[in-house]
Amino acid sequence: MFFMPMHAIVYILALLLILDLAAEYANYKKYFWFRRLTGKLFSQTLRIKELKRNHFTLSGAFYVLCGALLCCLFFPKNICIIALSIMIVSDACAAIIGKCFGTRKIRKQKSLEGCTAFFVSALVIMLLFNPIFNVRNVSIIACMVATIAELFEDKLKLDDNLSIPLLVGCILYFA
């Protein structure tokens, strides 16, 4: 993203979003050609609820692409890159650390260790991007809000792959 013009990124993300939506629908309808085409590539990465659906629901990939597209449309490139990096890296850190080392549950499937990993990794990302976007108190607030959004994802009724980059982007942009 850093080396491409923003309009090209928007077009690519919009195309990927449309293709993902078509793939989600084909998976839901259990189209034979789609299952055969993607079965060997993606069957190991899909969760049970994504393979055996009774009604149409969107996977996390759709929300990642949607969050990325909206960030590219509404925020400057430096904020967009930071917000998406936090969503990708910190969410993964929270999941890995939470599943491997999470012993103190604080909400449903969320652990103190996973939330701490999210927050610390988000701060590290902010520090790494310091030459592009000066780390200030608002950066710490953005990391805290993103961590809270991850923790209360079920209460927000909005997938964290969409809420986290938009919240971080808004805080950094309007501060």
N, C-alpha and C. Protein backbone atom coordinates (compact mmCIF):
# COMPACT_ATOMS: atom_id res chain seq x y z
N MET A 1 0.81 -1.20 0.00
CA MET A 1 0.00 0.00 0.00
C MET A 1 0.86 1.26 0.00
N PHE A 2 1.97 1.18 0.68
CA PHE A 2 2.82 2.36 0.83
C PHE A 2 3.34 2.87 -0.50
N PHE A 3 3.58 1.96 -1.45
CA PHE A 3 4.22 2.34 -2.70
C PHE A 3 3.25 2.50 -3.86
N MET A 4 1.97 2.31 -3.63
CA MET A 4 0.99 2.42 -4.71
C MET A 4 0.16 3.69 -4.54
N PRO A 5 -0.33 4.24 -5.64
CA PRO A 5 -1.24 5.38 -5.52
C PRO A 5 -2.56 4.94 -4.88
N MET A 6 -3.16 5.83 -4.11
CA MET A 6 -4.35 5.49 -3.35
C MET A 6 -5.51 5.07 -4.25
N HIS A 7 -5.68 5.72 -5.40
CA HIS A 7 -6.80 5.36 -6.27
C HIS A 7 -6.65 3.92 -6.78
N ALA A 8 -5.43 3.47 -7.04
CA ALA A 8 -5.21 2.10 -7.49
C ALA A 8 -5.55 1.11 -6.38
N ILE A 9 -5.19 1.46 -5.16
CA ILE A 9 -5.51 0.60 -4.02
C ILE A 9 -7.02 0.48 -3.85
N VAL A 10 -7.72 1.59 -4.00
CA VAL A 10 -9.19 1.57 -3.88
C VAL A 10 -9.80 0.66 -4.93
N TYR A 11 -9.36 0.76 -6.16
CA TYR A 11 -9.90 -0.11 -7.22
C TYR A 11 -9.62 -1.58 -6.94
N ILE A 12 -8.40 -1.88 -6.51
CA ILE A 12 -8.04 -3.27 -6.22
C ILE A 12 -8.89 -3.81 -5.07
N LEU A 13 -9.00 -3.03 -3.99
CA LEU A 13 -9.80 -3.48 -2.85
C LEU A 13 -11.28 -3.64 -3.21
N ALA A 14 -11.82 -2.74 -4.03
CA ALA A 14 -13.21 -2.86 -4.45
C ALA A 14 -13.42 -4.13 -5.26
N LEU A 15 -12.50 -4.43 -6.17
CA LEU A 15 -12.58 -5.65 -6.96
C LEU A 15 -12.50 -6.89 -6.06
N LEU A 16 -11.55 -6.89 -5.13
CA LEU A 16 -11.42 -8.02 -4.21
C LEU A 16 -12.66 -8.19 -3.35
N LEU A 17 -13.26 -7.08 -2.94
CA LEU A 17 -14.47 -7.14 -2.13
C LEU A 17 -15.62 -7.77 -2.92
N ILE A 18 -15.77 -7.39 -4.17
CA ILE A 18 -16.82 -7.97 -5.02
C ILE A 18 -16.56 -9.46 -5.25
N LEU A 19 -15.31 -9.82 -5.53
CA LEU A 19 -14.97 -11.23 -5.72
C LEU A 19 -15.20 -12.04 -4.46
N ASP A 20 -14.86 -11.47 -3.31
CA ASP A 20 -15.09 -12.17 -2.05
C ASP A 20 -16.58 -12.37 -1.79
N LEU A 21 -17.37 -11.36 -2.07
CA LEU A 21 -18.81 -11.47 -1.88
C LEU A 21 -19.39 -12.57 -2.77
N ALA A 22 -18.93 -12.63 -4.02
CA ALA A 22 -19.37 -13.70 -4.92
C ALA A 22 -18.93 -15.07 -4.40
N ALA A 23 -17.71 -15.15 -3.89
CA ALA A 23 -17.22 -16.42 -3.35
C ALA A 23 -17.98 -16.83 -2.09
N GLU A 24 -18.31 -15.85 -1.24
CA GLU A 24 -19.09 -16.14 -0.03
C GLU A 24 -20.46 -16.72 -0.42
N TYR A 25 -21.08 -16.12 -1.43
CA TYR A 25 -22.39 -16.58 -1.86
C TYR A 25 -22.30 -17.97 -2.50
N ALA A 26 -21.28 -18.18 -3.31
CA ALA A 26 -21.09 -19.50 -3.94
C ALA A 26 -20.83 -20.57 -2.88
N ASN A 27 -20.10 -20.23 -1.84
CA ASN A 27 -19.86 -21.18 -0.76
C ASN A 27 -21.16 -21.48 -0.02
N TYR A 28 -21.95 -20.45 0.24
CA TYR A 28 -23.23 -20.63 0.92
C TYR A 28 -24.18 -21.52 0.10
N LYS A 29 -24.22 -21.30 -1.22
CA LYS A 29 -25.10 -22.08 -2.10
C LYS A 29 -24.54 -23.47 -2.37
N LYS A 30 -23.30 -23.70 -1.93
CA LYS A 30 -22.63 -24.99 -2.12
C LYS A 30 -22.53 -25.37 -3.60
N TYR A 31 -22.21 -24.37 -4.43
CA TYR A 31 -22.04 -24.65 -5.85
C TYR A 31 -20.88 -25.62 -6.05
N PHE A 32 -21.13 -26.67 -6.80
CA PHE A 32 -20.15 -27.71 -7.00
C PHE A 32 -18.85 -27.16 -7.59
N TRP A 33 -18.96 -26.33 -8.62
CA TRP A 33 -17.77 -25.79 -9.29
C TRP A 33 -16.92 -24.96 -8.34
N PHE A 34 -17.59 -24.24 -7.44
CA PHE A 34 -16.85 -23.42 -6.49
C PHE A 34 -16.16 -24.29 -5.45
N ARG A 35 -16.89 -25.25 -4.93
CA ARG A 35 -16.31 -26.15 -3.93
C ARG A 35 -15.11 -26.90 -4.50
N ARG A 36 -15.23 -27.32 -5.75
CA ARG A 36 -14.13 -28.06 -6.38
C ARG A 36 -12.93 -27.15 -6.61
N LEU A 37 -13.21 -25.92 -7.04
CA LEU A 37 -12.15 -24.96 -7.34
C LEU A 37 -11.39 -24.54 -6.09
N THR A 38 -12.10 -24.26 -5.02
CA THR A 38 -11.48 -23.71 -3.82
C THR A 38 -11.26 -24.74 -2.71
N GLY A 39 -11.85 -25.88 -2.84
CA GLY A 39 -11.77 -26.88 -1.77
C GLY A 39 -10.36 -27.20 -1.32
N LYS A 40 -9.49 -27.47 -2.28
CA LYS A 40 -8.13 -27.84 -1.92
C LYS A 40 -7.33 -26.65 -1.40
N LEU A 41 -7.67 -25.46 -1.86
CA LEU A 41 -6.92 -24.27 -1.44
C LEU A 41 -7.32 -23.78 -0.06
N PHE A 42 -8.63 -23.74 0.21
CA PHE A 42 -9.10 -23.05 1.40
C PHE A 42 -9.81 -23.92 2.43
N SER A 43 -10.09 -25.18 2.11
CA SER A 43 -10.89 -25.99 3.04
C SER A 43 -10.22 -26.15 4.40
N GLN A 44 -8.91 -26.13 4.45
CA GLN A 44 -8.22 -26.27 5.73
C GLN A 44 -8.27 -25.00 6.56
N THR A 45 -8.50 -23.85 5.92
CA THR A 45 -8.50 -22.59 6.65
C THR A 45 -9.89 -22.15 7.08
N LEU A 46 -10.92 -22.73 6.47
CA LEU A 46 -12.29 -22.33 6.82
C LEU A 46 -12.72 -22.99 8.11
N ARG A 47 -13.47 -22.25 8.90
CA ARG A 47 -14.01 -22.80 10.13
C ARG A 47 -15.26 -23.61 9.82
N ILE A 48 -15.65 -24.47 10.74
CA ILE A 48 -16.82 -25.33 10.55
C ILE A 48 -18.05 -24.50 10.21
N LYS A 49 -18.24 -23.38 10.92
CA LYS A 49 -19.42 -22.55 10.68
C LYS A 49 -19.41 -21.94 9.28
N GLU A 50 -18.23 -21.80 8.67
CA GLU A 50 -18.15 -21.27 7.32
C GLU A 50 -18.38 -22.35 6.27
N LEU A 51 -18.09 -23.58 6.61
CA LEU A 51 -18.30 -24.68 5.67
C LEU A 51 -19.75 -25.17 5.68
N LYS A 52 -20.35 -25.20 6.84
CA LYS A 52 -21.71 -25.75 6.99
C LYS A 52 -22.65 -24.67 7.48
N ARG A 53 -23.08 -23.83 6.58
CA ARG A 53 -23.96 -22.73 6.95
C ARG A 53 -25.40 -23.06 6.59
N ASN A 54 -26.30 -22.63 7.45
CA ASN A 54 -27.72 -22.78 7.15
C ASN A 54 -28.31 -21.50 6.58
N HIS A 55 -27.65 -20.40 6.82
CA HIS A 55 -28.08 -19.12 6.27
C HIS A 55 -26.84 -18.34 5.84
N PHE A 56 -27.05 -17.37 5.00
CA PHE A 56 -25.94 -16.61 4.44
C PHE A 56 -25.34 -15.68 5.49
N THR A 57 -24.07 -15.86 5.76
CA THR A 57 -23.32 -14.97 6.65
C THR A 57 -21.98 -14.67 5.99
N LEU A 58 -21.44 -13.54 6.36
CA LEU A 58 -20.17 -13.12 5.79
C LEU A 58 -19.02 -13.55 6.69
N SER A 59 -17.90 -13.91 6.09
CA SER A 59 -16.73 -14.31 6.87
C SER A 59 -15.89 -13.09 7.22
N GLY A 60 -14.85 -13.33 8.00
CA GLY A 60 -13.95 -12.25 8.40
C GLY A 60 -13.24 -11.60 7.22
N ALA A 61 -13.01 -12.35 6.15
CA ALA A 61 -12.33 -11.80 4.97
C ALA A 61 -13.12 -10.64 4.37
N PHE A 62 -14.42 -10.77 4.33
CA PHE A 62 -15.26 -9.69 3.80
C PHE A 62 -15.07 -8.43 4.63
N TYR A 63 -15.07 -8.57 5.95
CA TYR A 63 -14.94 -7.41 6.82
C TYR A 63 -13.53 -6.80 6.77
N VAL A 64 -12.53 -7.63 6.58
CA VAL A 64 -11.17 -7.11 6.41
C VAL A 64 -11.10 -6.24 5.15
N LEU A 65 -11.62 -6.75 4.05
CA LEU A 65 -11.60 -6.00 2.80
C LEU A 65 -12.47 -4.75 2.89
N CYS A 66 -13.61 -4.87 3.52
CA CYS A 66 -14.50 -3.72 3.68
C CYS A 66 -13.83 -2.64 4.55
N GLY A 67 -13.22 -3.05 5.65
CA GLY A 67 -12.50 -2.10 6.52
C GLY A 67 -11.35 -1.43 5.79
N ALA A 68 -10.62 -2.21 5.00
CA ALA A 68 -9.50 -1.65 4.24
C ALA A 68 -10.00 -0.66 3.20
N LEU A 69 -11.06 -1.00 2.50
CA LEU A 69 -11.60 -0.10 1.48
C LEU A 69 -12.11 1.19 2.09
N LEU A 70 -12.85 1.09 3.18
CA LEU A 70 -13.37 2.30 3.83
C LEU A 70 -12.25 3.18 4.38
N CYS A 71 -11.22 2.56 4.94
CA CYS A 71 -10.07 3.34 5.43
C CYS A 71 -9.40 4.07 4.28
N CYS A 72 -9.24 3.40 3.14
CA CYS A 72 -8.60 4.03 1.98
C CYS A 72 -9.46 5.17 1.44
N LEU A 73 -10.75 5.06 1.54
CA LEU A 73 -11.64 6.10 1.03
C LEU A 73 -11.69 7.32 1.94
N PHE A 74 -11.60 7.12 3.25
CA PHE A 74 -11.85 8.20 4.20
C PHE A 74 -10.62 8.81 4.86
N PHE A 75 -9.49 8.11 4.87
CA PHE A 75 -8.33 8.59 5.61
C PHE A 75 -7.12 8.75 4.69
N PRO A 76 -6.18 9.62 5.11
CA PRO A 76 -4.92 9.72 4.36
C PRO A 76 -4.15 8.40 4.43
N LYS A 77 -3.25 8.22 3.48
CA LYS A 77 -2.55 6.95 3.35
C LYS A 77 -1.82 6.54 4.63
N ASN A 78 -1.13 7.48 5.29
CA ASN A 78 -0.37 7.10 6.49
C ASN A 78 -1.29 6.59 7.60
N ILE A 79 -2.42 7.21 7.80
CA ILE A 79 -3.37 6.75 8.83
C ILE A 79 -3.98 5.42 8.41
N CYS A 80 -4.28 5.29 7.15
CA CYS A 80 -4.85 4.04 6.64
C CYS A 80 -3.90 2.86 6.89
N ILE A 81 -2.64 3.05 6.59
CA ILE A 81 -1.66 1.98 6.78
C ILE A 81 -1.53 1.61 8.26
N ILE A 82 -1.49 2.61 9.12
CA ILE A 82 -1.39 2.34 10.56
C ILE A 82 -2.62 1.59 11.05
N ALA A 83 -3.80 2.06 10.68
CA ALA A 83 -5.04 1.44 11.15
C ALA A 83 -5.16 -0.01 10.68
N LEU A 84 -4.81 -0.25 9.43
CA LEU A 84 -4.89 -1.63 8.90
C LEU A 84 -3.81 -2.52 9.51
N SER A 85 -2.63 -1.96 9.75
CA SER A 85 -1.56 -2.75 10.39
C SER A 85 -1.98 -3.18 11.79
N ILE A 86 -2.60 -2.27 12.53
CA ILE A 86 -3.07 -2.62 13.88
C ILE A 86 -4.14 -3.70 13.80
N MET A 87 -5.07 -3.56 12.86
CA MET A 87 -6.11 -4.57 12.73
C MET A 87 -5.52 -5.94 12.43
N ILE A 88 -4.58 -5.99 11.51
CA ILE A 88 -4.03 -7.28 11.08
C ILE A 88 -3.10 -7.88 12.14
N VAL A 89 -2.10 -7.11 12.55
CA VAL A 89 -1.06 -7.64 13.45
C VAL A 89 -1.59 -7.82 14.87
N SER A 90 -2.24 -6.80 15.41
CA SER A 90 -2.68 -6.87 16.81
C SER A 90 -3.78 -7.90 17.02
N ASP A 91 -4.68 -8.02 16.06
CA ASP A 91 -5.73 -9.03 16.16
C ASP A 91 -5.12 -10.43 16.15
N ALA A 92 -4.13 -10.64 15.29
CA ALA A 92 -3.44 -11.93 15.24
C ALA A 92 -2.67 -12.20 16.54
N CYS A 93 -1.98 -11.19 17.05
CA CYS A 93 -1.25 -11.34 18.32
C CYS A 93 -2.19 -11.69 19.46
N ALA A 94 -3.32 -11.00 19.52
CA ALA A 94 -4.29 -11.27 20.58
C ALA A 94 -4.80 -12.71 20.49
N ALA A 95 -5.09 -13.17 19.29
CA ALA A 95 -5.61 -14.53 19.12
C ALA A 95 -4.55 -15.57 19.49
N ILE A 96 -3.32 -15.39 19.02
CA ILE A 96 -2.27 -16.38 19.28
C ILE A 96 -1.90 -16.41 20.76
N ILE A 97 -1.63 -15.25 21.34
CA ILE A 97 -1.23 -15.20 22.75
C ILE A 97 -2.41 -15.63 23.63
N GLY A 98 -3.60 -15.18 23.29
CA GLY A 98 -4.77 -15.55 24.07
C GLY A 98 -5.03 -17.05 24.09
N LYS A 99 -4.88 -17.69 22.93
CA LYS A 99 -5.12 -19.14 22.86
C LYS A 99 -4.00 -19.94 23.51
N CYS A 100 -2.76 -19.48 23.34
CA CYS A 100 -1.62 -20.23 23.87
C CYS A 100 -1.37 -19.98 25.36
N PHE A 101 -1.55 -18.75 25.80
CA PHE A 101 -1.16 -18.40 27.16
C PHE A 101 -2.30 -17.80 27.99
N GLY A 102 -3.47 -17.67 27.40
CA GLY A 102 -4.58 -17.02 28.09
C GLY A 102 -5.17 -17.86 29.20
N THR A 103 -4.87 -17.48 30.43
CA THR A 103 -5.39 -18.21 31.59
C THR A 103 -6.41 -17.38 32.37
N ARG A 104 -6.33 -16.07 32.26
CA ARG A 104 -7.25 -15.20 33.02
C ARG A 104 -8.31 -14.65 32.07
N LYS A 105 -9.45 -15.31 32.05
CA LYS A 105 -10.55 -14.88 31.18
C LYS A 105 -11.20 -13.63 31.76
N ILE A 106 -11.40 -12.62 30.90
CA ILE A 106 -12.06 -11.41 31.37
C ILE A 106 -13.40 -11.20 30.68
N ARG A 107 -13.60 -11.80 29.53
CA ARG A 107 -14.89 -11.77 28.82
C ARG A 107 -14.96 -12.99 27.94
N LYS A 108 -15.99 -13.75 28.05
CA LYS A 108 -16.27 -14.90 27.19
C LYS A 108 -14.99 -15.57 26.70
N GLN A 109 -14.66 -15.41 25.42
CA GLN A 109 -13.46 -16.04 24.83
C GLN A 109 -12.22 -15.16 24.94
N LYS A 110 -12.29 -14.05 25.63
CA LYS A 110 -11.18 -13.09 25.68
C LYS A 110 -10.42 -13.23 27.00
N SER A 111 -9.10 -13.16 26.91
CA SER A 111 -8.26 -13.28 28.10
C SER A 111 -7.47 -11.99 28.32
N LEU A 112 -7.02 -11.82 29.53
CA LEU A 112 -6.18 -10.67 29.87
C LEU A 112 -4.90 -10.70 29.05
N GLU A 113 -4.33 -11.88 28.88
CA GLU A 113 -3.09 -12.01 28.12
C GLU A 113 -3.29 -11.63 26.65
N GLY A 114 -4.40 -12.05 26.05
CA GLY A 114 -4.70 -11.70 24.66
C GLY A 114 -4.92 -10.21 24.49
N CYS A 115 -5.66 -9.60 25.42
CA CYS A 115 -5.90 -8.15 25.35
C CYS A 115 -4.61 -7.36 25.53
N THR A 116 -3.76 -7.83 26.44
CA THR A 116 -2.47 -7.18 26.64
C THR A 116 -1.61 -7.28 25.38
N ALA A 117 -1.62 -8.45 24.75
CA ALA A 117 -0.86 -8.64 23.51
C ALA A 117 -1.38 -7.71 22.42
N PHE A 118 -2.69 -7.54 22.35
CA PHE A 118 -3.26 -6.62 21.37
C PHE A 118 -2.76 -5.20 21.61
N PHE A 119 -2.89 -4.74 22.85
CA PHE A 119 -2.52 -3.37 23.18
C PHE A 119 -1.02 -3.12 22.96
N VAL A 120 -0.17 -4.01 23.43
CA VAL A 120 1.28 -3.84 23.29
C VAL A 120 1.70 -3.87 21.82
N SER A 121 1.14 -4.79 21.05
CA SER A 121 1.50 -4.85 19.63
C SER A 121 1.01 -3.61 18.89
N ALA A 122 -0.16 -3.08 19.27
CA ALA A 122 -0.65 -1.84 18.65
C ALA A 122 0.28 -0.67 18.97
N LEU A 123 0.76 -0.62 20.21
CA LEU A 123 1.72 0.43 20.58
C LEU A 123 3.03 0.30 19.80
N VAL A 124 3.49 -0.93 19.63
CA VAL A 124 4.72 -1.16 18.86
C VAL A 124 4.53 -0.69 17.41
N ILE A 125 3.38 -0.98 16.84
CA ILE A 125 3.09 -0.52 15.48
C ILE A 125 3.12 1.00 15.43
N MET A 126 2.51 1.65 16.41
CA MET A 126 2.53 3.11 16.46
C MET A 126 3.97 3.63 16.52
N LEU A 127 4.80 2.99 17.31
CA LEU A 127 6.20 3.42 17.43
C LEU A 127 6.97 3.19 16.13
N LEU A 128 6.69 2.07 15.47
CA LEU A 128 7.37 1.79 14.20
C LEU A 128 7.00 2.81 13.12
N PHE A 129 5.78 3.31 13.18
CA PHE A 129 5.33 4.30 12.21
C PHE A 129 5.58 5.73 12.68
N ASN A 130 6.34 5.90 13.74
CA ASN A 130 6.60 7.23 14.28
C ASN A 130 7.16 8.22 13.24
N PRO A 131 8.07 7.81 12.35
CA PRO A 131 8.54 8.77 11.35
C PRO A 131 7.42 9.25 10.40
N ILE A 132 6.42 8.44 10.19
CA ILE A 132 5.33 8.79 9.28
C ILE A 132 4.25 9.57 10.02
N PHE A 133 3.96 9.13 11.23
CA PHE A 133 2.89 9.73 12.01
C PHE A 133 3.38 9.84 13.44
N ASN A 134 3.60 11.04 13.92
CA ASN A 134 4.18 11.23 15.25
C ASN A 134 3.32 10.59 16.33
N VAL A 135 3.98 9.75 17.14
CA VAL A 135 3.29 9.12 18.25
C VAL A 135 3.05 10.17 19.32
N ARG A 136 1.81 10.32 19.66
CA ARG A 136 1.40 11.29 20.68
C ARG A 136 0.45 10.59 21.62
N ASN A 137 -0.09 11.34 22.55
CA ASN A 137 -1.06 10.76 23.48
C ASN A 137 -2.26 10.18 22.75
N VAL A 138 -2.61 10.80 21.63
CA VAL A 138 -3.76 10.30 20.87
C VAL A 138 -3.48 8.90 20.32
N SER A 139 -2.23 8.60 20.06
CA SER A 139 -1.88 7.26 19.59
C SER A 139 -2.15 6.22 20.66
N ILE A 140 -1.83 6.56 21.89
CA ILE A 140 -2.10 5.64 23.01
C ILE A 140 -3.60 5.47 23.18
N ILE A 141 -4.34 6.56 23.04
CA ILE A 141 -5.81 6.48 23.15
C ILE A 141 -6.36 5.60 22.03
N ALA A 142 -5.84 5.75 20.82
CA ALA A 142 -6.30 4.92 19.70
C ALA A 142 -6.04 3.44 19.98
N CYS A 143 -4.88 3.13 20.56
CA CYS A 143 -4.57 1.74 20.90
C CYS A 143 -5.51 1.21 21.99
N MET A 144 -5.82 2.05 22.95
CA MET A 144 -6.74 1.64 24.03
C MET A 144 -8.15 1.40 23.48
N VAL A 145 -8.62 2.31 22.62
CA VAL A 145 -9.96 2.16 22.05
C VAL A 145 -10.03 0.90 21.17
N ALA A 146 -8.99 0.65 20.39
CA ALA A 146 -8.95 -0.55 19.56
C ALA A 146 -8.97 -1.81 20.42
N THR A 147 -8.25 -1.80 21.52
CA THR A 147 -8.24 -2.95 22.43
C THR A 147 -9.63 -3.16 23.03
N ILE A 148 -10.28 -2.09 23.42
CA ILE A 148 -11.63 -2.20 23.98
C ILE A 148 -12.61 -2.70 22.92
N ALA A 149 -12.46 -2.23 21.67
CA ALA A 149 -13.31 -2.70 20.58
C ALA A 149 -13.12 -4.20 20.35
N GLU A 150 -11.89 -4.66 20.45
CA GLU A 150 -11.61 -6.10 20.31
C GLU A 150 -12.25 -6.88 21.46
N LEU A 151 -12.13 -6.35 22.64
CA LEU A 151 -12.67 -7.01 23.83
C LEU A 151 -14.19 -7.11 23.80
N PHE A 152 -14.84 -6.05 23.35
CA PHE A 152 -16.31 -5.99 23.36
C PHE A 152 -16.90 -6.14 21.96
N GLU A 153 -16.26 -6.92 21.13
CA GLU A 153 -16.72 -7.12 19.75
C GLU A 153 -18.16 -7.60 19.71
N ASP A 154 -18.53 -8.50 20.60
CA ASP A 154 -19.90 -9.03 20.60
C ASP A 154 -20.93 -7.97 20.99
N LYS A 155 -20.56 -7.06 21.86
CA LYS A 155 -21.48 -5.98 22.28
C LYS A 155 -21.64 -4.93 21.18
N LEU A 156 -20.58 -4.69 20.41
CA LEU A 156 -20.63 -3.69 19.34
C LEU A 156 -21.51 -4.15 18.18
N LYS A 157 -21.71 -5.46 18.08
CA LYS A 157 -22.47 -6.05 16.96
C LYS A 157 -21.85 -5.67 15.61
N LEU A 158 -20.53 -5.50 15.62
CA LEU A 158 -19.80 -5.15 14.42
C LEU A 158 -18.49 -5.92 14.44
N ASP A 159 -18.18 -6.57 13.37
CA ASP A 159 -16.97 -7.37 13.28
C ASP A 159 -15.75 -6.50 13.57
N ASP A 160 -14.82 -7.04 14.36
CA ASP A 160 -13.65 -6.24 14.75
C ASP A 160 -12.73 -5.94 13.57
N ASN A 161 -12.81 -6.73 12.51
CA ASN A 161 -12.01 -6.43 11.32
C ASN A 161 -12.49 -5.17 10.62
N LEU A 162 -13.68 -4.74 10.93
CA LEU A 162 -14.21 -3.49 10.40
C LEU A 162 -14.12 -2.37 11.43
N SER A 163 -14.48 -2.67 12.68
CA SER A 163 -14.52 -1.61 13.69
C SER A 163 -13.13 -1.11 14.09
N ILE A 164 -12.16 -1.99 14.21
CA ILE A 164 -10.83 -1.58 14.68
C ILE A 164 -10.16 -0.58 13.72
N PRO A 165 -10.05 -0.87 12.42
CA PRO A 165 -9.38 0.12 11.57
C PRO A 165 -10.16 1.43 11.47
N LEU A 166 -11.48 1.35 11.49
CA LEU A 166 -12.27 2.59 11.40
C LEU A 166 -12.13 3.43 12.67
N LEU A 167 -12.15 2.80 13.83
CA LEU A 167 -11.98 3.53 15.08
C LEU A 167 -10.58 4.15 15.18
N VAL A 168 -9.58 3.36 14.90
CA VAL A 168 -8.20 3.88 14.95
C VAL A 168 -8.04 5.01 13.95
N GLY A 169 -8.53 4.82 12.75
CA GLY A 169 -8.43 5.85 11.72
C GLY A 169 -9.13 7.14 12.14
N CYS A 170 -10.33 7.02 12.69
CA CYS A 170 -11.07 8.22 13.12
C CYS A 170 -10.34 8.96 14.23
N ILE A 171 -9.84 8.22 15.20
CA ILE A 171 -9.14 8.86 16.33
C ILE A 171 -7.88 9.59 15.83
N LEU A 172 -7.10 8.93 14.99
CA LEU A 172 -5.88 9.55 14.49
C LEU A 172 -6.18 10.72 13.55
N TYR A 173 -7.23 10.61 12.78
CA TYR A 173 -7.55 11.65 11.80
C TYR A 173 -8.14 12.90 12.46
N PHE A 174 -9.03 12.70 13.41
CA PHE A 174 -9.72 13.85 14.00
C PHE A 174 -9.01 14.45 15.19
N ALA A 175 -7.91 13.84 15.65
CA ALA A 175 -7.19 14.36 16.81
C ALA A 175 -6.22 15.46 16.41
